[in-house]
Each structure stands twice: as C-alpha cells, then as structure tokens.
Amino acid sequence: MRVRLDPNRTEVEALKHAAEWRPKHVLDVGCGDGRLTLRLAGLGALLHGIDPDRKLIREARQRLPRRFAGRVRYSVGDAQDLRLPDGTFDAVVFSWSL
C-alpha cells in the first residue's frame, strides 16, 4: 500500500499562511525525497534542499519537475556543516528531521 501524505493539501494551505515565500531563498534541512521542497517551490520559493542520505537526494533529483529546475537545488549535506556564506537564506525549514 502506498502512503499518501497530505491528500487534502492541508500542509500546503498552512504553508501559504505561514509566510510570504515568493521570492525567498529557503533552506530545507533534511529534505529527504523533496516532498516539502517541491511544495515550497510551488509557492514561489527558491530552494536548496540538503539531506545526508545520498539515496534520498538521488530520488529528489529524479522527481524534480522541469518547471522547478531553475529554482530548486539538492545536495548531500548536513546542516551543521553548510559551507555557505551567512545570509544565503531568508528562511530555514525542516520536517521530520533529527
């Protein structure tokens, strides 16, 4: 049985009201297969998703729709070792991350 997360899109509705995402630069920590990343991209954000699991990053890249190709990047990484300049992101989100 395939699990369907948020079939009624209540998460997306909540995200719409949480912040103005367009055109914010957002870091998605523990992005996994990109589920939340893609939802935020759909709201206009520019995303960088990181996850330490190479397999999940590979899946996220394979699932990335062409329409988001210029707005979403995925990389294998750890939030404690970003190696990016301060101020790179306007917001940071994480879901189901330890």
C-alpha atoms as a PDB file:
ATOM      1  CA  MET A   1       0.000   0.000   0.000  1.00  0.00           C
ATOM      2  CA  ARG A   2       1.360   3.408  -0.990  1.00  0.00           C
ATOM      3  CA  VAL A   3       1.185   6.084   1.684  1.00  0.00           C
ATOM      4  CA  ARG A   4      -0.360   9.364   0.553  1.00  0.00           C
ATOM      5  CA  LEU A   5       0.843  12.289   2.603  1.00  0.00           C
ATOM      6  CA  ASP A   6      -1.479  15.253   2.855  1.00  0.00           C
ATOM      7  CA  PRO A   7      -4.038  14.209   0.198  1.00  0.00           C
ATOM      8  CA  ASN A   8      -6.229  17.212   1.068  1.00  0.00           C
ATOM      9  CA  ARG A   9      -3.274  19.613   0.742  1.00  0.00           C
ATOM     10  CA  THR A  10      -3.778  20.992   4.252  1.00  0.00           C
ATOM     11  CA  GLU A  11       0.002  21.272   4.647  1.00  0.00           C
ATOM     12  CA  VAL A  12       0.199  23.489   1.559  1.00  0.00           C
ATOM     13  CA  GLU A  13      -2.638  25.671   2.842  1.00  0.00           C
ATOM     14  CA  ALA A  14      -0.880  26.038   6.192  1.00  0.00           C
ATOM     15  CA  LEU A  15       2.385  26.940   4.457  1.00  0.00           C
ATOM     16  CA  LYS A  16       0.615  29.606   2.377  1.00  0.00           C
ATOM     17  CA  HIS A  17      -0.389  31.356   5.592  1.00  0.00           C
ATOM     18  CA  ALA A  18       2.885  30.811   7.466  1.00  0.00           C
ATOM     19  CA  ALA A  19       4.999  33.200   5.393  1.00  0.00           C
ATOM     20  CA  GLU A  20       5.397  35.027   2.111  1.00  0.00           C
ATOM     21  CA  TRP A  21       7.517  32.517   0.205  1.00  0.00           C
ATOM     22  CA  ARG A  22       7.956  34.377  -3.084  1.00  0.00           C
ATOM     23  CA  PRO A  23      10.872  35.016  -3.872  1.00  0.00           C
ATOM     24  CA  LYS A  24      12.549  33.931  -0.630  1.00  0.00           C
ATOM     25  CA  HIS A  25      15.695  31.797  -0.601  1.00  0.00           C
ATOM     26  CA  VAL A  26      14.846  28.828   1.621  1.00  0.00           C
ATOM     27  CA  LEU A  27      16.996  26.019   3.008  1.00  0.00           C
ATOM     28  CA  ASP A  28      15.126  22.735   3.505  1.00  0.00           C
ATOM     29  CA  VAL A  29      17.107  20.785   6.103  1.00  0.00           C
ATOM     30  CA  GLY A  30      16.618  17.030   5.918  1.00  0.00           C
ATOM     31  CA  CYS A  31      14.727  17.370   2.646  1.00  0.00           C
ATOM     32  CA  GLY A  32      14.648  13.623   2.026  1.00  0.00           C
ATOM     33  CA  ASP A  33      12.948  12.900  -1.282  1.00  0.00           C
ATOM     34  CA  GLY A  34      11.941  16.555  -1.719  1.00  0.00           C
ATOM     35  CA  ARG A  35       8.293  16.423  -0.655  1.00  0.00           C
ATOM     36  CA  LEU A  36       8.319  19.692   1.315  1.00  0.00           C
ATOM     37  CA  THR A  37      10.863  21.265  -1.035  1.00  0.00           C
ATOM     38  CA  LEU A  38       8.524  20.881  -4.007  1.00  0.00           C
ATOM     39  CA  ARG A  39       5.568  22.255  -2.074  1.00  0.00           C
ATOM     40  CA  LEU A  40       7.517  25.383  -1.174  1.00  0.00           C
ATOM     41  CA  ALA A  41       8.747  25.747  -4.744  1.00  0.00           C
ATOM     42  CA  GLY A  42       5.106  25.651  -5.807  1.00  0.00           C
ATOM     43  CA  LEU A  43       4.513  28.633  -3.524  1.00  0.00           C
ATOM     44  CA  GLY A  44       7.272  30.599  -5.259  1.00  0.00           C
ATOM     45  CA  ALA A  45      10.289  29.982  -3.028  1.00  0.00           C
ATOM     46  CA  LEU A  46      13.829  29.383  -4.285  1.00  0.00           C
ATOM     47  CA  LEU A  47      15.028  26.226  -2.563  1.00  0.00           C
ATOM     48  CA  HIS A  48      18.170  24.431  -1.544  1.00  0.00           C
ATOM     49  CA  GLY A  49      17.361  21.033  -0.085  1.00  0.00           C
ATOM     50  CA  ILE A  50      20.019  19.153   1.873  1.00  0.00           C
ATOM     51  CA  ASP A  51      19.994  15.678   3.328  1.00  0.00           C
ATOM     52  CA  PRO A  52      22.796  13.356   4.488  1.00  0.00           C
ATOM     53  CA  ASP A  53      21.205  10.385   2.679  1.00  0.00           C
ATOM     54  CA  ARG A  54      22.605  10.123  -0.875  1.00  0.00           C
ATOM     55  CA  LYS A  55      19.832   7.759  -1.942  1.00  0.00           C
ATOM     56  CA  LEU A  56      17.116  10.232  -0.933  1.00  0.00           C
ATOM     57  CA  ILE A  57      18.888  13.110  -2.680  1.00  0.00           C
ATOM     58  CA  ARG A  58      19.104  10.986  -5.822  1.00  0.00           C
ATOM     59  CA  GLU A  59      15.341  10.321  -5.569  1.00  0.00           C
ATOM     60  CA  ALA A  60      14.640  14.018  -5.028  1.00  0.00           C
ATOM     61  CA  ARG A  61      16.635  14.954  -8.121  1.00  0.00           C
ATOM     62  CA  GLN A  62      14.814  12.334 -10.190  1.00  0.00           C
ATOM     63  CA  ARG A  63      11.415  13.613  -9.001  1.00  0.00           C
ATOM     64  CA  LEU A  64      12.203  17.276  -9.685  1.00  0.00           C
ATOM     65  CA  PRO A  65       9.734  18.642 -12.256  1.00  0.00           C
ATOM     66  CA  ARG A  66      11.302  20.633 -15.102  1.00  0.00           C
ATOM     67  CA  ARG A  67       9.302  23.710 -14.150  1.00  0.00           C
ATOM     68  CA  PHE A  68      11.279  23.872 -10.880  1.00  0.00           C
ATOM     69  CA  ALA A  69      14.710  23.040 -12.329  1.00  0.00           C
ATOM     70  CA  GLY A  70      15.950  26.630 -12.096  1.00  0.00           C
ATOM     71  CA  ARG A  71      14.531  27.183  -8.610  1.00  0.00           C
ATOM     72  CA  VAL A  72      15.451  24.016  -6.706  1.00  0.00           C
ATOM     73  CA  ARG A  73      18.855  22.548  -5.864  1.00  0.00           C
ATOM     74  CA  TYR A  74      19.531  19.407  -3.911  1.00  0.00           C
ATOM     75  CA  SER A  75      22.765  18.384  -2.271  1.00  0.00           C
ATOM     76  CA  VAL A  76      24.047  15.782   0.128  1.00  0.00           C
ATOM     77  CA  GLY A  77      24.886  17.607   3.296  1.00  0.00           C
ATOM     78  CA  ASP A  78      24.487  18.310   6.966  1.00  0.00           C
ATOM     79  CA  ALA A  79      23.017  21.467   8.480  1.00  0.00           C
ATOM     80  CA  GLN A  80      25.940  21.645  10.909  1.00  0.00           C
ATOM     81  CA  ASP A  81      28.433  21.920   8.040  1.00  0.00           C
ATOM     82  CA  LEU A  82      26.790  24.012   5.293  1.00  0.00           C
ATOM     83  CA  ARG A  83      29.871  25.811   3.996  1.00  0.00           C
ATOM     84  CA  LEU A  84      27.694  28.614   2.648  1.00  0.00           C
ATOM     85  CA  PRO A  85      28.060  32.319   3.436  1.00  0.00           C
ATOM     86  CA  ASP A  86      25.972  33.835   6.226  1.00  0.00           C
ATOM     87  CA  GLY A  87      22.839  35.457   4.851  1.00  0.00           C
ATOM     88  CA  THR A  88      22.450  32.956   1.997  1.00  0.00           C
ATOM     89  CA  PHE A  89      18.902  32.081   3.085  1.00  0.00           C
ATOM     90  CA  ASP A  90      15.889  34.100   4.128  1.00  0.00           C
ATOM     91  CA  ALA A  91      14.319  31.127   5.898  1.00  0.00           C
ATOM     92  CA  VAL A  92      15.124  27.598   7.006  1.00  0.00           C
ATOM     93  CA  VAL A  93      12.560  24.811   7.265  1.00  0.00           C
ATOM     94  CA  PHE A  94      12.767  21.223   8.360  1.00  0.00           C
ATOM     95  CA  SER A  95      10.236  18.474   8.605  1.00  0.00           C
ATOM     96  CA  TRP A  96      10.761  15.055  10.131  1.00  0.00           C
ATOM     97  CA  SER A  97      14.451  15.837  10.687  1.00  0.00           C
ATOM     98  CA  LEU A  98      16.516  14.913  13.707  1.00  0.00           C
END
